[in-house]
Amino acid sequence: MSLPPPIPLVARNGLGSFYEHGAQLSSWTPAGHTPVIWLSAQAVLEPGTAIRGGVPIIFPWFGAGRSGELTPAHGFARTSTWALVETGTDGEHAVAVLALRGERSEDPQFGHAFSARYEIRLGDTLQLSLSVENTDNQAWSFEEALHTYLRVGDVRRVLVQGLDGCSYLDQADPQGPLVRQQTGDLAFTGETDRIYASSTSIRVIDDSLDRVIVIEKEHSASTVVWNPWIDKAHRMSDFGDDEWPHMLCIEGGNLRDSAVCLEPGQSHTMRYSAHVEALV
């Protein structure tokens, strides 16, 4: 059984779409520009399956969790059906609000009651906001990320600015995860899978498409940069063998040692925004 078609979002200065499955943004094209969000042509659009591309919501754990034993990878939020609260327009932006709730008994791997609210606002800018509230009677912690797949002309000609001097966990090193430090701009010459300790803004310099994607984050202590390159793309059934040069993930989140802890009744909101500038 296939998912229903994505729901369109139409603003004066941009277009987009999203699925209730995972509350997942699937496209965004600001007026006067080519698409900014990448979606694999091989993405599996079926209930219970993560969609390859767009902006998956990672919650309440990243990867296999801090224990290394949790499934599914990156948590259950991206494969859950979120409730559509509202859609409409607000000034120059099209807006969608979705919600997800969980009770203590629903997932034994997490086992906490929560309420999540996700807001998508798009036009000439993209603004994403994920709020999580602890509705339980005890404190708990979680990891989160907005796993944004950006469309690029050729990742081998892309530079990422804003991470100079930041430490990062290199998850693609053949010797196992190692902590390193970024020096200068980030260029791509092979598989890249890094968790940076960074809350700074990011500039994605895309020479092939003559544009710069500027990313801003709030209440996000982690920045993930990912491209699977040739071999890993070939091993993934929902990723075309020739698609890897045209995507780059720049994610905002709170991961590993930066996981969020909430007392009963507390909430946390993380924001991620992007806009496009001409390359000069």
Protein backbone atom coordinates (compact mmCIF):
# COMPACT_ATOMS: atom_id res chain seq x y z
CA MET A 1 0.00 0.00 0.00
CA SER A 2 1.37 3.40 -1.00
CA LEU A 3 1.19 6.59 1.01
CA PRO A 4 -1.37 9.23 0.01
CA PRO A 5 0.14 11.95 -2.20
CA PRO A 6 2.01 14.75 -0.43
CA ILE A 7 -0.02 17.77 0.66
CA PRO A 8 0.91 20.94 -1.24
CA LEU A 9 1.89 24.22 0.39
CA VAL A 10 1.55 27.29 -1.82
CA ALA A 11 2.91 30.70 -0.84
CA ARG A 12 3.33 33.91 -2.80
CA ASN A 13 7.10 33.41 -2.97
CA GLY A 14 7.51 29.67 -2.94
CA LEU A 15 6.06 26.18 -3.17
CA GLY A 16 6.44 23.04 -1.11
CA SER A 17 4.79 19.82 -0.01
CA PHE A 18 4.74 17.45 2.96
CA TYR A 19 3.48 14.05 4.08
CA GLU A 20 1.52 13.35 7.25
CA HIS A 21 3.70 10.23 7.34
CA GLY A 22 6.59 11.39 9.52
CA ALA A 23 5.35 15.01 9.22
CA GLN A 24 7.95 15.00 6.48
CA LEU A 25 8.63 17.97 4.25
CA SER A 26 9.16 16.53 0.76
CA SER A 27 9.86 19.63 -1.34
CA TRP A 28 10.59 23.35 -1.18
CA THR A 29 11.26 25.68 -4.10
CA PRO A 30 11.50 29.41 -3.38
CA ALA A 31 10.31 31.65 -6.23
CA GLY A 32 12.99 32.31 -8.81
CA HIS A 33 15.14 29.34 -7.78
CA THR A 34 15.49 25.65 -8.55
CA PRO A 35 14.39 23.12 -5.86
CA VAL A 36 16.32 23.27 -2.59
CA ILE A 37 15.11 20.02 -0.97
CA TRP A 38 16.20 16.68 -2.42
CA LEU A 39 14.06 13.54 -2.55
CA SER A 40 15.40 10.26 -3.90
CA ALA A 41 13.76 8.88 -7.02
CA GLN A 42 14.05 5.50 -5.28
CA ALA A 43 12.33 6.59 -2.04
CA VAL A 44 9.89 4.00 -0.69
CA LEU A 45 6.55 5.71 -0.09
CA GLU A 46 4.86 3.11 2.09
CA PRO A 47 3.47 3.13 5.66
CA GLY A 48 6.01 2.11 8.29
CA THR A 49 8.98 2.96 6.06
CA ALA A 50 11.26 5.99 6.34
CA ILE A 51 11.23 8.28 3.29
CA ARG A 52 14.66 8.80 1.75
CA GLY A 53 15.04 12.54 1.31
CA GLY A 54 13.06 15.62 2.26
CA VAL A 55 13.35 16.52 5.95
CA PRO A 56 12.84 13.45 8.18
CA ILE A 57 12.26 14.17 11.87
CA ILE A 58 14.70 12.25 14.06
CA PHE A 59 13.21 11.62 17.52
CA PRO A 60 13.62 10.37 20.24
CA TRP A 61 17.00 8.85 19.41
CA PHE A 62 19.66 9.29 16.73
CA GLY A 63 20.95 6.25 14.84
CA ALA A 64 20.71 3.32 17.22
CA GLY A 65 20.58 5.63 20.25
CA ARG A 66 23.23 6.32 22.83
CA SER A 67 23.07 2.65 23.87
CA GLY A 68 23.63 1.51 20.29
CA GLU A 69 20.75 -0.96 20.56
CA LEU A 70 17.56 0.93 19.65
CA THR A 71 15.36 0.36 16.60
CA PRO A 72 14.21 1.65 14.21
CA ALA A 73 17.21 3.73 13.26
CA HIS A 74 16.70 7.41 14.14
CA GLY A 75 13.58 6.74 16.23
CA PHE A 76 9.91 6.26 15.53
CA ALA A 77 8.85 9.82 14.68
CA ARG A 78 9.80 9.60 11.01
CA THR A 79 7.73 6.47 10.44
CA SER A 80 4.70 7.55 12.51
CA THR A 81 1.58 9.20 11.13
CA TRP A 82 1.34 12.70 12.57
CA ALA A 83 -2.00 14.43 13.05
CA LEU A 84 -2.52 17.41 10.77
CA VAL A 85 -3.60 20.28 13.02
CA GLU A 86 -3.86 23.06 10.44
CA THR A 87 -2.75 24.35 7.07
CA GLY A 88 -3.08 27.82 5.64
CA THR A 89 -1.18 31.02 4.96
CA ASP A 90 0.34 33.63 7.25
CA GLY A 91 1.48 36.71 5.36
CA GLU A 92 4.13 35.65 2.86
CA HIS A 93 4.31 32.06 4.15
CA ALA A 94 2.33 28.88 3.70
CA VAL A 95 1.99 27.08 7.04
CA ALA A 96 1.34 23.53 8.22
CA VAL A 97 1.17 22.36 11.82
CA LEU A 98 1.31 18.69 12.80
CA ALA A 99 1.27 16.87 16.14
CA LEU A 100 2.36 13.54 17.60
CA ARG A 101 1.62 12.19 21.06
CA GLY A 102 2.94 9.17 22.86
CA GLU A 103 2.05 7.40 26.10
CA ARG A 104 4.44 5.70 28.47
CA SER A 105 3.34 2.19 27.50
CA GLU A 106 3.46 2.61 23.71
CA ASP A 107 7.17 2.03 23.05
CA PRO A 108 9.13 -0.03 25.60
CA GLN A 109 12.41 1.33 24.21
CA PHE A 110 11.39 4.89 25.12
CA GLY A 111 8.64 4.44 27.69
CA HIS A 112 7.77 8.10 28.33
CA ALA A 113 4.70 10.24 27.71
CA PHE A 114 5.27 13.18 25.39
CA SER A 115 3.61 15.66 23.09
CA ALA A 116 5.35 16.96 19.95
CA ARG A 117 4.34 19.84 17.70
CA TYR A 118 5.94 20.53 14.32
CA GLU A 119 5.46 23.69 12.29
CA ILE A 120 6.45 24.15 8.65
CA ARG A 121 6.52 27.69 7.23
CA LEU A 122 7.72 28.25 3.70
CA GLY A 123 7.87 30.87 0.98
CA ASP A 124 11.12 32.55 -0.01
CA THR A 125 12.48 31.12 3.26
CA LEU A 126 11.98 27.76 4.96
CA GLN A 127 11.30 27.78 8.70
CA LEU A 128 10.94 24.55 10.66
CA SER A 129 10.11 24.34 14.37
CA LEU A 130 9.96 21.17 16.49
CA SER A 131 8.58 21.45 20.03
CA VAL A 132 8.60 18.54 22.48
CA GLU A 133 6.82 18.57 25.86
CA ASN A 134 7.27 16.13 28.73
CA THR A 135 3.72 15.06 29.67
CA ASP A 136 5.00 12.31 31.97
CA ASN A 137 5.42 12.42 35.76
CA GLN A 138 9.17 11.86 35.62
CA ALA A 139 12.15 13.42 33.83
CA TRP A 140 13.51 11.93 30.63
CA SER A 141 15.96 12.81 27.87
CA PHE A 142 15.91 12.52 24.11
CA GLU A 143 17.92 13.15 20.96
CA GLU A 144 16.47 15.04 18.02
CA ALA A 145 17.41 16.28 14.56
CA LEU A 146 15.87 17.71 11.43
CA HIS A 147 17.56 15.52 8.83
CA THR A 148 17.51 18.03 5.97
CA TYR A 149 18.46 16.71 2.52
CA LEU A 150 19.65 19.64 0.39
CA ARG A 151 19.75 19.48 -3.39
CA VAL A 152 23.18 20.47 -4.76
CA GLY A 153 24.59 20.57 -8.27
CA ASP A 154 27.65 18.43 -7.55
CA VAL A 155 28.75 17.76 -3.97
CA ARG A 156 32.36 17.49 -5.17
CA ARG A 157 32.22 21.22 -5.98
CA VAL A 158 30.45 22.28 -2.77
CA LEU A 159 32.05 24.06 0.17
CA VAL A 160 30.47 24.30 3.63
CA GLN A 161 31.40 27.35 5.67
CA GLY A 162 30.77 28.01 9.36
CA LEU A 163 32.34 24.94 10.97
CA ASP A 164 35.98 26.06 11.12
CA GLY A 165 37.46 25.24 14.52
CA CYS A 166 34.56 23.01 15.60
CA SER A 167 35.17 19.54 16.97
CA TYR A 168 33.29 16.66 15.36
CA LEU A 169 32.71 12.94 15.68
CA ASP A 170 33.84 11.31 12.43
CA GLN A 171 31.48 8.36 11.99
CA ALA A 172 32.83 7.38 8.55
CA ASP A 173 36.39 6.67 9.65
CA PRO A 174 37.24 3.00 8.89
CA GLN A 175 38.91 2.71 12.31
CA GLY A 176 35.66 3.64 14.06
CA PRO A 177 34.23 6.94 15.30
CA LEU A 178 37.00 9.41 16.09
CA VAL A 179 36.88 12.96 17.47
CA ARG A 180 38.55 15.47 15.16
CA GLN A 181 38.62 19.23 14.61
CA GLN A 182 37.56 21.06 11.47
CA THR A 183 40.14 23.31 9.84
CA GLY A 184 38.86 25.79 7.26
CA ASP A 185 35.93 25.19 4.94
CA LEU A 186 34.58 21.67 4.51
CA ALA A 187 35.01 20.10 1.05
CA PHE A 188 33.91 16.62 -0.02
CA THR A 189 36.17 13.90 -1.39
CA GLY A 190 34.55 10.74 -0.01
CA GLU A 191 31.88 9.41 2.33
CA THR A 192 31.15 12.02 5.00
CA ASP A 193 29.24 11.34 8.23
CA ARG A 194 30.05 13.85 10.95
CA ILE A 195 28.39 15.18 14.10
CA TYR A 196 29.76 18.66 14.78
CA ALA A 197 29.52 20.37 18.15
CA SER A 198 28.20 23.52 16.55
CA SER A 199 25.23 25.86 16.91
CA THR A 200 26.51 28.38 14.34
CA SER A 201 24.97 29.37 11.02
CA ILE A 202 26.10 27.46 7.93
CA ARG A 203 26.71 28.56 4.35
CA VAL A 204 26.56 25.91 1.62
CA ILE A 205 28.49 27.30 -1.36
CA ASP A 206 27.20 25.55 -4.48
CA ASP A 207 29.33 26.54 -7.46
CA SER A 208 27.42 24.26 -9.86
CA LEU A 209 24.05 25.92 -9.19
CA ASP A 210 25.48 29.42 -8.61
CA ARG A 211 23.84 29.76 -5.22
CA VAL A 212 24.44 29.79 -1.50
CA ILE A 213 22.09 28.06 0.94
CA VAL A 214 22.22 29.83 4.30
CA ILE A 215 21.12 27.78 7.34
CA GLU A 216 20.32 29.21 10.76
CA LYS A 217 19.49 27.20 13.89
CA GLU A 218 18.13 27.92 17.36
CA HIS A 219 18.47 25.71 20.44
CA SER A 220 20.46 23.23 18.35
CA ALA A 221 23.88 22.27 19.70
CA SER A 222 24.70 19.70 17.00
CA THR A 223 25.18 19.94 13.25
CA VAL A 224 25.29 16.75 11.19
CA VAL A 225 26.89 16.68 7.73
CA TRP A 226 26.29 13.57 5.60
CA ASN A 227 26.86 12.29 2.10
CA PRO A 228 27.06 8.53 1.44
CA TRP A 229 29.33 8.77 -1.65
CA ILE A 230 29.58 5.88 -4.10
CA ASP A 231 29.78 2.61 -2.15
CA LYS A 232 27.25 3.35 0.56
CA ALA A 233 24.76 4.77 -1.96
CA HIS A 234 25.07 1.52 -3.90
CA ARG A 235 24.27 -0.50 -0.76
CA MET A 236 21.05 1.40 -0.04
CA SER A 237 18.02 0.08 -1.91
CA ASP A 238 16.13 3.40 -1.62
CA PHE A 239 19.02 5.48 -2.97
CA GLY A 240 19.87 5.57 -6.68
CA ASP A 241 23.47 4.70 -7.54
CA ASP A 242 23.91 7.98 -9.43
CA GLU A 243 22.10 10.26 -6.96
CA TRP A 244 24.80 10.87 -4.34
CA PRO A 245 26.49 13.81 -6.15
CA HIS A 246 23.26 15.80 -6.04
CA MET A 247 22.45 15.78 -2.32
CA LEU A 248 23.99 16.88 0.94
CA CYS A 249 22.49 16.60 4.41
CA ILE A 250 23.03 19.52 6.76
CA GLU A 251 21.06 18.70 9.89
CA GLY A 252 20.29 20.67 13.01
CA GLY A 253 19.85 18.72 16.21
CA ASN A 254 20.76 17.86 19.78
CA LEU A 255 22.68 14.60 19.80
CA ARG A 256 24.80 12.39 22.04
CA ASP A 257 26.21 14.55 24.87
CA SER A 258 23.88 17.38 23.79
CA ALA A 259 20.70 15.35 24.32
CA VAL A 260 17.83 17.32 25.84
CA CYS A 261 16.55 16.53 29.34
CA LEU A 262 13.03 17.64 30.31
CA GLU A 263 11.42 17.67 33.72
CA PRO A 264 7.66 16.96 33.92
CA GLY A 265 5.76 19.80 32.25
CA GLN A 266 8.84 21.27 30.58
CA SER A 267 9.15 21.74 26.82
CA HIS A 268 11.94 22.37 24.34
CA THR A 269 11.73 24.01 20.90
CA MET A 270 14.37 23.65 18.20
CA ARG A 271 14.27 25.80 15.05
CA TYR A 272 15.92 25.42 11.66
CA SER A 273 15.67 27.89 8.79
CA ALA A 274 17.11 28.20 5.29
CA HIS A 275 17.17 30.75 2.52
CA VAL A 276 18.94 31.05 -0.82
CA GLU A 277 21.37 33.76 -1.92
CA ALA A 278 23.03 34.31 -5.28
CA LEU A 279 26.68 33.25 -5.51
CA VAL A 280 28.85 36.31 -6.07
